Amino acid sequence: MLERFRLDDRVALVTGAGSGLGRRFAVALAMAGAEVVLCGRRREPLEATAAAVEAEQGRTRVLPMDVTDRASVTPVFDELAAVGRIPDIIVCNAGVARPDSALTLSEQDWQATIETNLSGCWRVAQIAAQRLADAGRPGAIVNVGSILGQRVAGSLSAYAASKAGLEHLTRALALEWAAHDIRVNALAPGYIDTEMNRAFFETEAGQRMIRRIPQKRLGAPEDLDGALWLLVSDAGRYITGTTIAVDGGHRQSSL
């Protein structure tokens, strides 16, 4: 049964792979046997992720990409096609958060958040699905959402709206692309311990938030591995249009 979780001979493309959860997703996919294409705006962080993947005996390619620009996304798929590699696993992880009160949030910050978190995922998923459908090949797309797509928090209106939209987009794409044997699901992490948020969770406000999580702890990046492997492997071949939350029960905490 464990062989159904293996990803040997698969090509996985991860956006936002230069740090945080994107780096962990890349390592986890490589551990399961996939060749991993690392995408992000800056090459240096991607090279660091490549080193982490190769430390696990994984195979990588580093191809910079800006998900907000179709002229940056398409050439990556062209370059892979030129060497006979069509990604059949896509992890749309690139995202930004620009906290601000909804009363003072700038138009620029709203647009940047929606463009990256929602439109960027649509853009990468569409191009990937077009290539797979043209080749008559199955695929698995995972959009990385958040529990804030289902609940809200202060000063994160743009982020929450983008992630809620991403969940609905996931369902819409799953419906349309099932005929092409392309599965589309979402992974919704709760609060995960990463370098980006570690300083906040060491504060009293951060500690209060941790105490509201039913498991009384932050998630570790590797806590997402199992859900990711399920959604992209043959073990989850009949799962499409769903969102798996990995949040220590946070969404169930009482108001």
Protein backbone atom coordinates (compact mmCIF):
# COMPACT_ATOMS: atom_id res chain seq x y z
CA MET A 1 0.00 0.00 0.00
CA LEU A 2 2.82 2.43 0.75
CA GLU A 3 3.90 2.25 -2.88
CA ARG A 4 0.78 4.22 -3.81
CA PHE A 5 2.32 7.23 -2.05
CA ARG A 6 5.53 7.04 -4.09
CA LEU A 7 6.21 9.74 -6.69
CA ASP A 8 8.96 8.07 -8.69
CA ASP A 9 9.15 9.26 -12.32
CA ARG A 10 6.96 12.25 -11.50
CA VAL A 11 7.92 15.89 -12.07
CA ALA A 12 6.71 18.29 -9.38
CA LEU A 13 6.79 22.08 -9.75
CA VAL A 14 6.63 24.17 -6.57
CA THR A 15 6.14 27.93 -6.59
CA GLY A 16 7.41 30.04 -3.72
CA ALA A 17 10.01 27.34 -3.17
CA GLY A 18 12.75 29.61 -1.85
CA SER A 19 11.81 29.50 1.82
CA GLY A 20 9.32 28.47 4.48
CA LEU A 21 6.64 25.98 3.56
CA GLY A 22 7.67 25.99 -0.09
CA ARG A 23 11.08 24.67 0.86
CA ARG A 24 9.51 21.95 3.01
CA PHE A 25 7.09 20.96 0.23
CA ALA A 26 10.03 20.59 -2.16
CA VAL A 27 11.94 18.38 0.27
CA ALA A 28 8.87 16.24 1.01
CA LEU A 29 8.14 15.67 -2.68
CA ALA A 30 11.75 14.72 -3.34
CA MET A 31 11.69 12.30 -0.39
CA ALA A 32 8.79 10.52 -2.12
CA GLY A 33 10.82 10.19 -5.32
CA ALA A 34 9.76 13.17 -7.47
CA GLU A 35 12.06 15.37 -9.49
CA VAL A 36 11.32 18.84 -8.14
CA VAL A 37 11.31 22.07 -10.16
CA LEU A 38 11.96 24.97 -7.78
CA CYS A 39 10.32 28.26 -8.75
CA GLY A 40 10.39 31.68 -7.16
CA ARG A 41 11.40 35.23 -7.97
CA ARG A 42 14.96 35.07 -6.62
CA ARG A 43 17.52 32.47 -7.59
CA GLU A 44 19.65 32.57 -4.42
CA PRO A 45 16.93 31.23 -2.06
CA LEU A 46 15.99 28.62 -4.66
CA GLU A 47 19.59 27.41 -4.73
CA ALA A 48 19.45 27.04 -0.93
CA THR A 49 16.31 24.94 -1.30
CA ALA A 50 18.03 22.88 -3.98
CA ALA A 51 20.83 22.15 -1.51
CA ALA A 52 18.27 21.02 1.10
CA VAL A 53 16.60 18.74 -1.44
CA GLU A 54 19.90 17.29 -2.62
CA ALA A 55 20.84 16.59 0.99
CA GLU A 56 17.91 14.14 0.93
CA GLN A 57 19.26 12.59 -2.28
CA GLY A 58 16.59 14.39 -4.28
CA ARG A 59 16.70 15.73 -7.85
CA THR A 60 16.01 19.39 -8.60
CA ARG A 61 15.90 22.06 -11.26
CA VAL A 62 15.99 25.76 -10.39
CA LEU A 63 13.87 27.93 -12.69
CA PRO A 64 13.03 31.45 -11.46
CA MET A 65 9.41 32.51 -11.97
CA ASP A 66 7.19 35.44 -11.02
CA VAL A 67 3.64 34.07 -10.71
CA THR A 68 2.17 37.54 -11.25
CA ASP A 69 3.58 37.71 -14.78
CA ARG A 70 2.44 35.29 -17.49
CA ALA A 71 5.53 36.23 -19.51
CA SER A 72 7.58 34.79 -16.64
CA VAL A 73 5.48 31.66 -16.08
CA THR A 74 5.12 30.39 -19.65
CA PRO A 75 8.88 30.20 -20.43
CA VAL A 76 9.40 27.89 -17.46
CA PHE A 77 6.98 25.36 -18.93
CA ASP A 78 8.53 25.88 -22.37
CA GLU A 79 12.00 25.18 -21.00
CA LEU A 80 10.81 22.00 -19.30
CA ALA A 81 8.97 20.85 -22.42
CA ALA A 82 12.14 21.34 -24.46
CA VAL A 83 13.84 18.65 -22.37
CA GLY A 84 10.81 16.37 -22.36
CA ARG A 85 9.60 17.20 -18.86
CA ILE A 86 5.95 18.13 -18.29
CA PRO A 87 5.19 18.73 -14.61
CA ASP A 88 2.40 16.43 -13.50
CA ILE A 89 2.40 17.72 -9.91
CA ILE A 90 1.93 21.44 -9.31
CA VAL A 91 2.08 23.00 -5.86
CA CYS A 92 0.87 26.60 -6.05
CA ASN A 93 2.47 27.91 -2.89
CA ALA A 94 3.68 31.44 -3.72
CA GLY A 95 1.91 33.94 -1.51
CA VAL A 96 2.21 37.22 0.35
CA ALA A 97 0.59 38.78 3.41
CA ARG A 98 0.51 42.54 3.94
CA PRO A 99 -1.17 43.10 7.30
CA ASP A 100 -3.06 46.36 7.69
CA SER A 101 -6.38 47.58 8.94
CA ALA A 102 -9.13 47.35 6.35
CA LEU A 103 -9.69 51.08 6.89
CA THR A 104 -6.15 52.00 5.86
CA LEU A 105 -5.14 49.16 3.53
CA SER A 106 -3.77 50.67 0.33
CA GLU A 107 -5.07 49.82 -3.12
CA GLN A 108 -1.54 48.72 -4.00
CA ASP A 109 -1.31 46.25 -1.12
CA TRP A 110 -4.79 44.87 -1.86
CA GLN A 111 -3.95 44.33 -5.52
CA ALA A 112 -0.54 42.79 -4.77
CA THR A 113 -2.08 40.29 -2.34
CA ILE A 114 -4.89 39.22 -4.67
CA GLU A 115 -2.59 39.12 -7.69
CA THR A 116 -0.08 36.83 -6.01
CA ASN A 117 -2.27 34.63 -3.81
CA LEU A 118 -5.25 34.15 -6.10
CA SER A 119 -4.47 35.22 -9.66
CA GLY A 120 -0.95 33.77 -9.45
CA CYS A 121 -2.31 30.35 -8.50
CA TRP A 122 -4.90 30.52 -11.30
CA ARG A 123 -2.23 31.52 -13.82
CA VAL A 124 0.20 28.72 -12.96
CA ALA A 125 -2.57 26.12 -12.68
CA GLN A 126 -4.09 27.10 -16.02
CA ILE A 127 -0.82 26.91 -17.93
CA ALA A 128 0.08 23.60 -16.26
CA ALA A 129 -3.34 22.12 -17.02
CA GLN A 130 -3.18 23.24 -20.65
CA ARG A 131 0.13 21.42 -21.09
CA LEU A 132 -1.17 18.28 -19.40
CA ALA A 133 -4.44 18.26 -21.35
CA ASP A 134 -2.62 18.78 -24.67
CA ALA A 135 -0.34 15.84 -23.83
CA GLY A 136 -3.25 13.67 -22.65
CA ARG A 137 -1.59 13.17 -19.29
CA PRO A 138 -3.10 13.14 -15.79
CA GLY A 139 -1.97 15.56 -13.12
CA ALA A 140 -2.44 16.76 -9.57
CA ILE A 141 -2.58 20.42 -8.58
CA VAL A 142 -2.44 21.56 -4.97
CA ASN A 143 -3.28 25.15 -4.12
CA VAL A 144 -1.85 26.21 -0.78
CA GLY A 145 -4.54 28.08 1.09
CA SER A 146 -4.91 28.84 4.77
CA ILE A 147 -7.36 28.35 7.60
CA LEU A 148 -7.92 32.09 7.11
CA GLY A 149 -9.75 31.12 3.94
CA GLN A 150 -12.42 29.73 6.27
CA ARG A 151 -12.05 32.01 9.28
CA VAL A 152 -10.89 35.61 9.61
CA ALA A 153 -8.41 37.54 11.72
CA GLY A 154 -7.85 41.23 12.25
CA SER A 155 -5.74 43.27 9.84
CA LEU A 156 -5.67 40.50 7.23
CA SER A 157 -8.72 41.25 5.10
CA ALA A 158 -6.90 41.02 1.75
CA TYR A 159 -5.10 37.82 2.71
CA ALA A 160 -8.28 36.16 4.03
CA ALA A 161 -10.23 37.18 0.91
CA SER A 162 -7.51 35.81 -1.37
CA LYS A 163 -7.42 32.48 0.41
CA ALA A 164 -11.22 32.16 0.52
CA GLY A 165 -11.28 32.85 -3.21
CA LEU A 166 -8.57 30.25 -3.73
CA GLU A 167 -10.70 27.55 -2.09
CA HIS A 168 -13.62 28.31 -4.39
CA LEU A 169 -11.31 28.47 -7.40
CA THR A 170 -9.98 25.04 -6.41
CA ARG A 171 -13.48 23.57 -6.53
CA ALA A 172 -14.28 25.24 -9.85
CA LEU A 173 -11.09 23.97 -11.50
CA ALA A 174 -11.61 20.49 -10.08
CA LEU A 175 -15.05 20.36 -11.67
CA GLU A 176 -13.84 21.46 -15.09
CA TRP A 177 -10.61 19.51 -15.26
CA ALA A 178 -11.79 16.16 -13.90
CA ALA A 179 -12.59 15.17 -17.50
CA HIS A 180 -8.87 15.51 -18.25
CA ASP A 181 -7.92 13.41 -15.19
CA ILE A 182 -6.39 16.49 -13.59
CA ARG A 183 -7.16 16.65 -9.88
CA VAL A 184 -7.23 20.01 -8.08
CA ASN A 185 -7.23 20.24 -4.30
CA ALA A 186 -6.21 22.71 -1.62
CA LEU A 187 -4.07 22.38 1.48
CA ALA A 188 -4.96 24.81 4.27
CA PRO A 189 -2.24 25.09 6.90
CA GLY A 190 -2.92 26.53 10.31
CA TYR A 191 -0.19 28.35 12.19
CA ILE A 192 3.09 26.66 11.33
CA ASP A 193 6.45 27.41 12.92
CA THR A 194 8.65 29.05 10.27
CA GLU A 195 11.45 31.58 10.31
CA MET A 196 9.03 34.22 9.04
CA ASN A 197 6.69 34.08 12.05
CA ARG A 198 8.91 32.73 14.82
CA ALA A 199 9.64 36.14 16.36
CA PHE A 200 5.91 36.91 16.65
CA PHE A 201 5.12 33.62 18.37
CA GLU A 202 7.76 34.36 20.99
CA THR A 203 5.80 37.45 22.05
CA GLU A 204 2.98 37.42 24.60
CA ALA A 205 0.42 37.97 21.83
CA GLY A 206 1.87 35.02 19.95
CA GLN A 207 1.80 32.84 23.03
CA ARG A 208 -1.86 33.71 23.60
CA MET A 209 -2.62 32.60 20.06
CA ILE A 210 -0.85 29.29 20.59
CA ARG A 211 -2.92 28.70 23.72
CA ARG A 212 -6.08 28.99 21.58
CA ILE A 213 -4.97 26.10 19.36
CA PRO A 214 -6.60 22.91 20.73
CA GLN A 215 -3.32 20.96 20.46
CA LYS A 216 -1.57 23.83 22.31
CA ARG A 217 1.31 24.01 19.87
CA LEU A 218 2.31 25.36 16.50
CA GLY A 219 2.51 22.96 13.62
CA ALA A 220 5.90 21.91 12.32
CA PRO A 221 6.49 22.16 8.55
CA GLU A 222 6.78 18.38 8.35
CA ASP A 223 3.25 18.06 9.80
CA LEU A 224 2.04 18.98 6.31
CA ASP A 225 3.89 16.13 4.58
CA GLY A 226 1.21 13.47 4.93
CA ALA A 227 -1.60 15.61 3.52
CA LEU A 228 0.60 16.73 0.63
CA TRP A 229 1.65 13.18 -0.26
CA LEU A 230 -1.99 12.07 -0.20
CA LEU A 231 -3.17 14.85 -2.50
CA VAL A 232 -0.47 14.42 -5.15
CA SER A 233 -0.06 10.63 -5.21
CA ASP A 234 -2.08 7.68 -6.45
CA ALA A 235 -3.17 7.14 -2.85
CA GLY A 236 -5.48 10.13 -3.37
CA ARG A 237 -6.45 9.46 -6.97
CA TYR A 238 -10.21 9.79 -6.22
CA ILE A 239 -9.85 13.03 -4.26
CA THR A 240 -10.52 16.27 -6.12
CA GLY A 241 -12.13 19.58 -5.27
CA THR A 242 -11.49 19.31 -1.55
CA THR A 243 -9.53 21.26 1.04
CA ILE A 244 -7.54 19.51 3.74
CA ALA A 245 -6.87 21.67 6.79
CA VAL A 246 -3.81 20.89 8.89
CA ASP A 247 -4.25 23.18 11.88
CA GLY A 248 -4.16 21.26 15.16
CA GLY A 249 -7.92 21.75 15.44
CA HIS A 250 -7.66 25.55 15.36
CA ARG A 251 -10.75 26.01 13.18
CA GLN A 252 -12.79 24.14 15.78
CA SER A 253 -11.74 26.31 18.71
CA SER A 254 -14.61 28.12 20.39
CA LEU A 255 -15.28 31.79 19.91
